[in-house]
Amino acid sequence: MTRHSWLMDGFPRTLAQANALNSICDLDMVISLNIPFETLKERLSERWVHPASGRVYNMGFNPPRIQGRDDISGEPLVQHDDDKPEALLSRLRHYKDLAKPVINMYKSKGILHTFSGTETDRIWPYINSLLSTKISSTSQTVTQRVPLP
């Protein structure tokens, strides 16, 4: 039997999505990142994107070379309305309310792995170790990252 590995970023977000996913595949690992609200607020409010390419910039740690312009095309960057500070609090609260039952479901199945922190460089080694262990235990792996809008 060939096993396949998928990495889905930000999915499922609701219990209905999780149940639909569970009906078509048997998940054996779910990773949840527990990031403090203030860190999320800071990162999201500083996020700007180039709509045509999807390139993402962060004014705090990955700014464009020319403020407000994409590094490659020179076209203007935009900030999504839901990343603006006035919409952020509501958005994050709504996500937390939707995600809690999903997280609880995967926790009850014993497949949830939660990582907490504020810096990718500190969290990633632990996630990488978990994934490496899981992937090396399968004989044949296909890895796919499925980005969500």
C-alpha atoms as a PDB file:
ATOM      1  CA  MET A   1       0.000   0.000   0.000  1.00  0.00           C
ATOM      2  CA  THR A   2       1.383   3.388  -1.000  1.00  0.00           C
ATOM      3  CA  ARG A   3       1.057   6.153   1.558  1.00  0.00           C
ATOM      4  CA  HIS A   4       0.847   9.766   0.555  1.00  0.00           C
ATOM      5  CA  SER A   5       1.545  12.815   2.668  1.00  0.00           C
ATOM      6  CA  TRP A   6      -0.173  16.146   2.198  1.00  0.00           C
ATOM      7  CA  LEU A   7       0.488  19.388   3.961  1.00  0.00           C
ATOM      8  CA  MET A   8      -2.619  21.545   3.981  1.00  0.00           C
ATOM      9  CA  ASP A   9      -2.061  25.061   5.230  1.00  0.00           C
ATOM     10  CA  GLY A  10      -5.057  26.559   7.038  1.00  0.00           C
ATOM     11  CA  PHE A  11      -7.506  23.774   6.256  1.00  0.00           C
ATOM     12  CA  PRO A  12      -9.898  22.626   7.576  1.00  0.00           C
ATOM     13  CA  ARG A  13     -11.106  25.782   9.283  1.00  0.00           C
ATOM     14  CA  THR A  14     -14.581  24.634  10.322  1.00  0.00           C
ATOM     15  CA  LEU A  15     -16.044  21.485  11.819  1.00  0.00           C
ATOM     16  CA  ALA A  16     -18.080  20.918   8.638  1.00  0.00           C
ATOM     17  CA  GLN A  17     -14.874  21.056   6.557  1.00  0.00           C
ATOM     18  CA  ALA A  18     -13.100  18.720   8.994  1.00  0.00           C
ATOM     19  CA  ASN A  19     -15.940  16.194   8.854  1.00  0.00           C
ATOM     20  CA  ALA A  20     -15.984  16.337   5.041  1.00  0.00           C
ATOM     21  CA  LEU A  21     -12.217  15.803   4.942  1.00  0.00           C
ATOM     22  CA  ASN A  22     -12.468  12.909   7.396  1.00  0.00           C
ATOM     23  CA  SER A  23     -15.060  11.253   5.155  1.00  0.00           C
ATOM     24  CA  ILE A  24     -12.634  11.042   2.221  1.00  0.00           C
ATOM     25  CA  CYS A  25      -9.290  10.388   3.926  1.00  0.00           C
ATOM     26  CA  ASP A  26      -7.822   9.062   7.138  1.00  0.00           C
ATOM     27  CA  LEU A  27      -5.657  11.754   8.710  1.00  0.00           C
ATOM     28  CA  ASP A  28      -2.863  10.626  10.978  1.00  0.00           C
ATOM     29  CA  MET A  29      -1.410  13.987  12.013  1.00  0.00           C
ATOM     30  CA  VAL A  30      -2.682  17.535  12.515  1.00  0.00           C
ATOM     31  CA  ILE A  31      -0.435  20.423  13.510  1.00  0.00           C
ATOM     32  CA  SER A  32      -1.818  23.469  15.290  1.00  0.00           C
ATOM     33  CA  LEU A  33       0.222  26.610  15.850  1.00  0.00           C
ATOM     34  CA  ASN A  34      -0.648  28.439  19.053  1.00  0.00           C
ATOM     35  CA  ILE A  35       0.537  31.985  18.393  1.00  0.00           C
ATOM     36  CA  PRO A  36      -0.248  34.841  20.807  1.00  0.00           C
ATOM     37  CA  PHE A  37      -2.866  37.326  19.626  1.00  0.00           C
ATOM     38  CA  GLU A  38      -0.417  40.249  19.790  1.00  0.00           C
ATOM     39  CA  THR A  39       2.028  38.452  17.485  1.00  0.00           C
ATOM     40  CA  LEU A  40      -0.713  37.656  14.975  1.00  0.00           C
ATOM     41  CA  LYS A  41      -2.000  41.215  15.137  1.00  0.00           C
ATOM     42  CA  GLU A  42       1.461  42.627  14.499  1.00  0.00           C
ATOM     43  CA  ARG A  43       2.250  40.305  11.592  1.00  0.00           C
ATOM     44  CA  LEU A  44      -1.105  40.574   9.871  1.00  0.00           C
ATOM     45  CA  SER A  45      -1.373  44.347  10.202  1.00  0.00           C
ATOM     46  CA  GLU A  46       2.080  44.683   8.604  1.00  0.00           C
ATOM     47  CA  ARG A  47       1.282  42.300   5.706  1.00  0.00           C
ATOM     48  CA  TRP A  48       1.054  43.696   2.173  1.00  0.00           C
ATOM     49  CA  VAL A  49       0.637  41.679  -1.017  1.00  0.00           C
ATOM     50  CA  HIS A  50       1.217  41.955  -4.731  1.00  0.00           C
ATOM     51  CA  PRO A  51      -2.207  40.857  -6.047  1.00  0.00           C
ATOM     52  CA  ALA A  52      -1.082  39.635  -9.469  1.00  0.00           C
ATOM     53  CA  SER A  53       1.593  37.251  -8.163  1.00  0.00           C
ATOM     54  CA  GLY A  54       0.547  36.628  -4.561  1.00  0.00           C
ATOM     55  CA  ARG A  55       3.977  37.715  -3.274  1.00  0.00           C
ATOM     56  CA  VAL A  56       3.690  38.679   0.378  1.00  0.00           C
ATOM     57  CA  TYR A  57       5.711  41.322   2.186  1.00  0.00           C
ATOM     58  CA  ASN A  58       5.845  42.135   5.863  1.00  0.00           C
ATOM     59  CA  MET A  59       6.900  45.661   6.751  1.00  0.00           C
ATOM     60  CA  GLY A  60       8.511  44.418   9.969  1.00  0.00           C
ATOM     61  CA  PHE A  61      10.742  41.602   8.726  1.00  0.00           C
ATOM     62  CA  ASN A  62      10.417  41.248   4.938  1.00  0.00           C
ATOM     63  CA  PRO A  63       9.776  44.730   3.501  1.00  0.00           C
ATOM     64  CA  PRO A  64       9.912  45.504  -0.217  1.00  0.00           C
ATOM     65  CA  ARG A  65      13.022  47.324  -1.439  1.00  0.00           C
ATOM     66  CA  ILE A  66      10.837  50.314  -2.388  1.00  0.00           C
ATOM     67  CA  GLN A  67       8.028  51.020   0.059  1.00  0.00           C
ATOM     68  CA  GLY A  68       4.617  50.155  -1.370  1.00  0.00           C
ATOM     69  CA  ARG A  69       6.040  48.519  -4.538  1.00  0.00           C
ATOM     70  CA  ASP A  70       6.571  44.888  -5.539  1.00  0.00           C
ATOM     71  CA  ASP A  71      10.279  44.022  -5.806  1.00  0.00           C
ATOM     72  CA  ILE A  72       9.931  42.273  -9.166  1.00  0.00           C
ATOM     73  CA  SER A  73       7.219  44.108 -11.106  1.00  0.00           C
ATOM     74  CA  GLY A  74       7.331  47.502  -9.393  1.00  0.00           C
ATOM     75  CA  GLU A  75       3.538  47.425  -9.222  1.00  0.00           C
ATOM     76  CA  PRO A  76       1.700  48.730  -6.143  1.00  0.00           C
ATOM     77  CA  LEU A  77       1.206  46.513  -3.101  1.00  0.00           C
ATOM     78  CA  VAL A  78      -2.144  46.317  -1.339  1.00  0.00           C
ATOM     79  CA  GLN A  79      -3.270  45.503   2.156  1.00  0.00           C
ATOM     80  CA  HIS A  80      -6.337  43.265   2.360  1.00  0.00           C
ATOM     81  CA  ASP A  81      -9.218  44.863   4.237  1.00  0.00           C
ATOM     82  CA  ASP A  82      -9.274  41.996   6.748  1.00  0.00           C
ATOM     83  CA  ASP A  83      -5.576  42.585   7.561  1.00  0.00           C
ATOM     84  CA  LYS A  84      -6.196  46.192   8.551  1.00  0.00           C
ATOM     85  CA  PRO A  85      -6.065  46.758  12.320  1.00  0.00           C
ATOM     86  CA  GLU A  86      -9.732  47.736  12.592  1.00  0.00           C
ATOM     87  CA  ALA A  87     -10.903  44.391  11.121  1.00  0.00           C
ATOM     88  CA  LEU A  88      -8.262  42.173  12.673  1.00  0.00           C
ATOM     89  CA  LEU A  89      -9.693  41.697  16.164  1.00  0.00           C
ATOM     90  CA  SER A  90     -13.050  40.547  14.815  1.00  0.00           C
ATOM     91  CA  ARG A  91     -11.386  38.271  12.268  1.00  0.00           C
ATOM     92  CA  LEU A  92      -9.149  36.561  14.842  1.00  0.00           C
ATOM     93  CA  ARG A  93     -11.994  36.088  17.336  1.00  0.00           C
ATOM     94  CA  HIS A  94     -14.172  34.570  14.618  1.00  0.00           C
ATOM     95  CA  TYR A  95     -11.372  32.204  13.575  1.00  0.00           C
ATOM     96  CA  LYS A  96     -10.795  31.116  17.188  1.00  0.00           C
ATOM     97  CA  ASP A  97     -14.504  30.350  17.612  1.00  0.00           C
ATOM     98  CA  LEU A  98     -14.559  28.285  14.397  1.00  0.00           C
ATOM     99  CA  ALA A  99     -11.265  26.502  15.021  1.00  0.00           C
ATOM    100  CA  LYS A 100     -11.880  25.413  18.616  1.00  0.00           C
ATOM    101  CA  PRO A 101     -14.249  22.519  17.768  1.00  0.00           C
ATOM    102  CA  VAL A 102     -11.907  21.398  14.961  1.00  0.00           C
ATOM    103  CA  ILE A 103      -8.923  21.399  17.300  1.00  0.00           C
ATOM    104  CA  ASN A 104     -10.903  19.560  19.976  1.00  0.00           C
ATOM    105  CA  MET A 105     -11.986  16.904  17.475  1.00  0.00           C
ATOM    106  CA  TYR A 106      -8.410  16.182  16.340  1.00  0.00           C
ATOM    107  CA  LYS A 107      -7.215  16.262  19.946  1.00  0.00           C
ATOM    108  CA  SER A 108      -9.808  13.633  20.885  1.00  0.00           C
ATOM    109  CA  LYS A 109      -8.574  11.464  17.976  1.00  0.00           C
ATOM    110  CA  GLY A 110      -5.029  11.691  19.374  1.00  0.00           C
ATOM    111  CA  ILE A 111      -3.537  13.128  16.175  1.00  0.00           C
ATOM    112  CA  LEU A 112      -3.159  16.780  17.185  1.00  0.00           C
ATOM    113  CA  HIS A 113       0.334  18.201  17.727  1.00  0.00           C
ATOM    114  CA  THR A 114       0.378  21.781  19.058  1.00  0.00           C
ATOM    115  CA  PHE A 115       3.362  24.106  18.892  1.00  0.00           C
ATOM    116  CA  SER A 116       3.444  27.451  20.692  1.00  0.00           C
ATOM    117  CA  GLY A 117       5.650  30.471  20.199  1.00  0.00           C
ATOM    118  CA  THR A 118       6.189  33.776  18.508  1.00  0.00           C
ATOM    119  CA  GLU A 119       9.138  33.126  16.191  1.00  0.00           C
ATOM    120  CA  THR A 120       9.167  30.797  13.208  1.00  0.00           C
ATOM    121  CA  ASP A 121      12.885  30.058  13.663  1.00  0.00           C
ATOM    122  CA  ARG A 122      12.211  28.726  17.164  1.00  0.00           C
ATOM    123  CA  ILE A 123       9.092  26.700  16.338  1.00  0.00           C
ATOM    124  CA  TRP A 124      10.185  25.243  12.998  1.00  0.00           C
ATOM    125  CA  PRO A 125      12.891  22.843  14.292  1.00  0.00           C
ATOM    126  CA  TYR A 126      10.292  21.045  16.421  1.00  0.00           C
ATOM    127  CA  ILE A 127       7.802  20.837  13.565  1.00  0.00           C
ATOM    128  CA  ASN A 128      10.522  19.726  11.167  1.00  0.00           C
ATOM    129  CA  SER A 129      11.590  16.984  13.553  1.00  0.00           C
ATOM    130  CA  LEU A 130       8.014  15.715  13.886  1.00  0.00           C
ATOM    131  CA  LEU A 131       7.460  15.768  10.126  1.00  0.00           C
ATOM    132  CA  SER A 132      10.829  14.155   9.380  1.00  0.00           C
ATOM    133  CA  THR A 133      10.084  11.346  11.793  1.00  0.00           C
ATOM    134  CA  LYS A 134       6.642  10.801  10.278  1.00  0.00           C
ATOM    135  CA  ILE A 135       7.830  10.992   6.674  1.00  0.00           C
ATOM    136  CA  SER A 136      10.798   8.696   7.212  1.00  0.00           C
ATOM    137  CA  SER A 137       8.438   6.085   8.648  1.00  0.00           C
ATOM    138  CA  THR A 138       6.626   5.804   5.312  1.00  0.00           C
ATOM    139  CA  SER A 139       8.197   3.935   2.422  1.00  0.00           C
ATOM    140  CA  GLN A 140       6.957   6.188  -0.356  1.00  0.00           C
ATOM    141  CA  THR A 141       5.857   9.759   0.133  1.00  0.00           C
ATOM    142  CA  VAL A 142       4.383  12.454  -2.031  1.00  0.00           C
ATOM    143  CA  THR A 143       4.330  15.822  -0.312  1.00  0.00           C
ATOM    144  CA  GLN A 144       1.988  18.541  -1.470  1.00  0.00           C
ATOM    145  CA  ARG A 145       1.324  21.951   0.101  1.00  0.00           C
ATOM    146  CA  VAL A 146      -2.180  23.186  -0.602  1.00  0.00           C
ATOM    147  CA  PRO A 147      -2.362  26.977  -0.093  1.00  0.00           C
ATOM    148  CA  LEU A 148      -5.643  28.562   0.841  1.00  0.00           C
ATOM    149  CA  PRO A 149      -6.833  32.032  -0.051  1.00  0.00           C
END
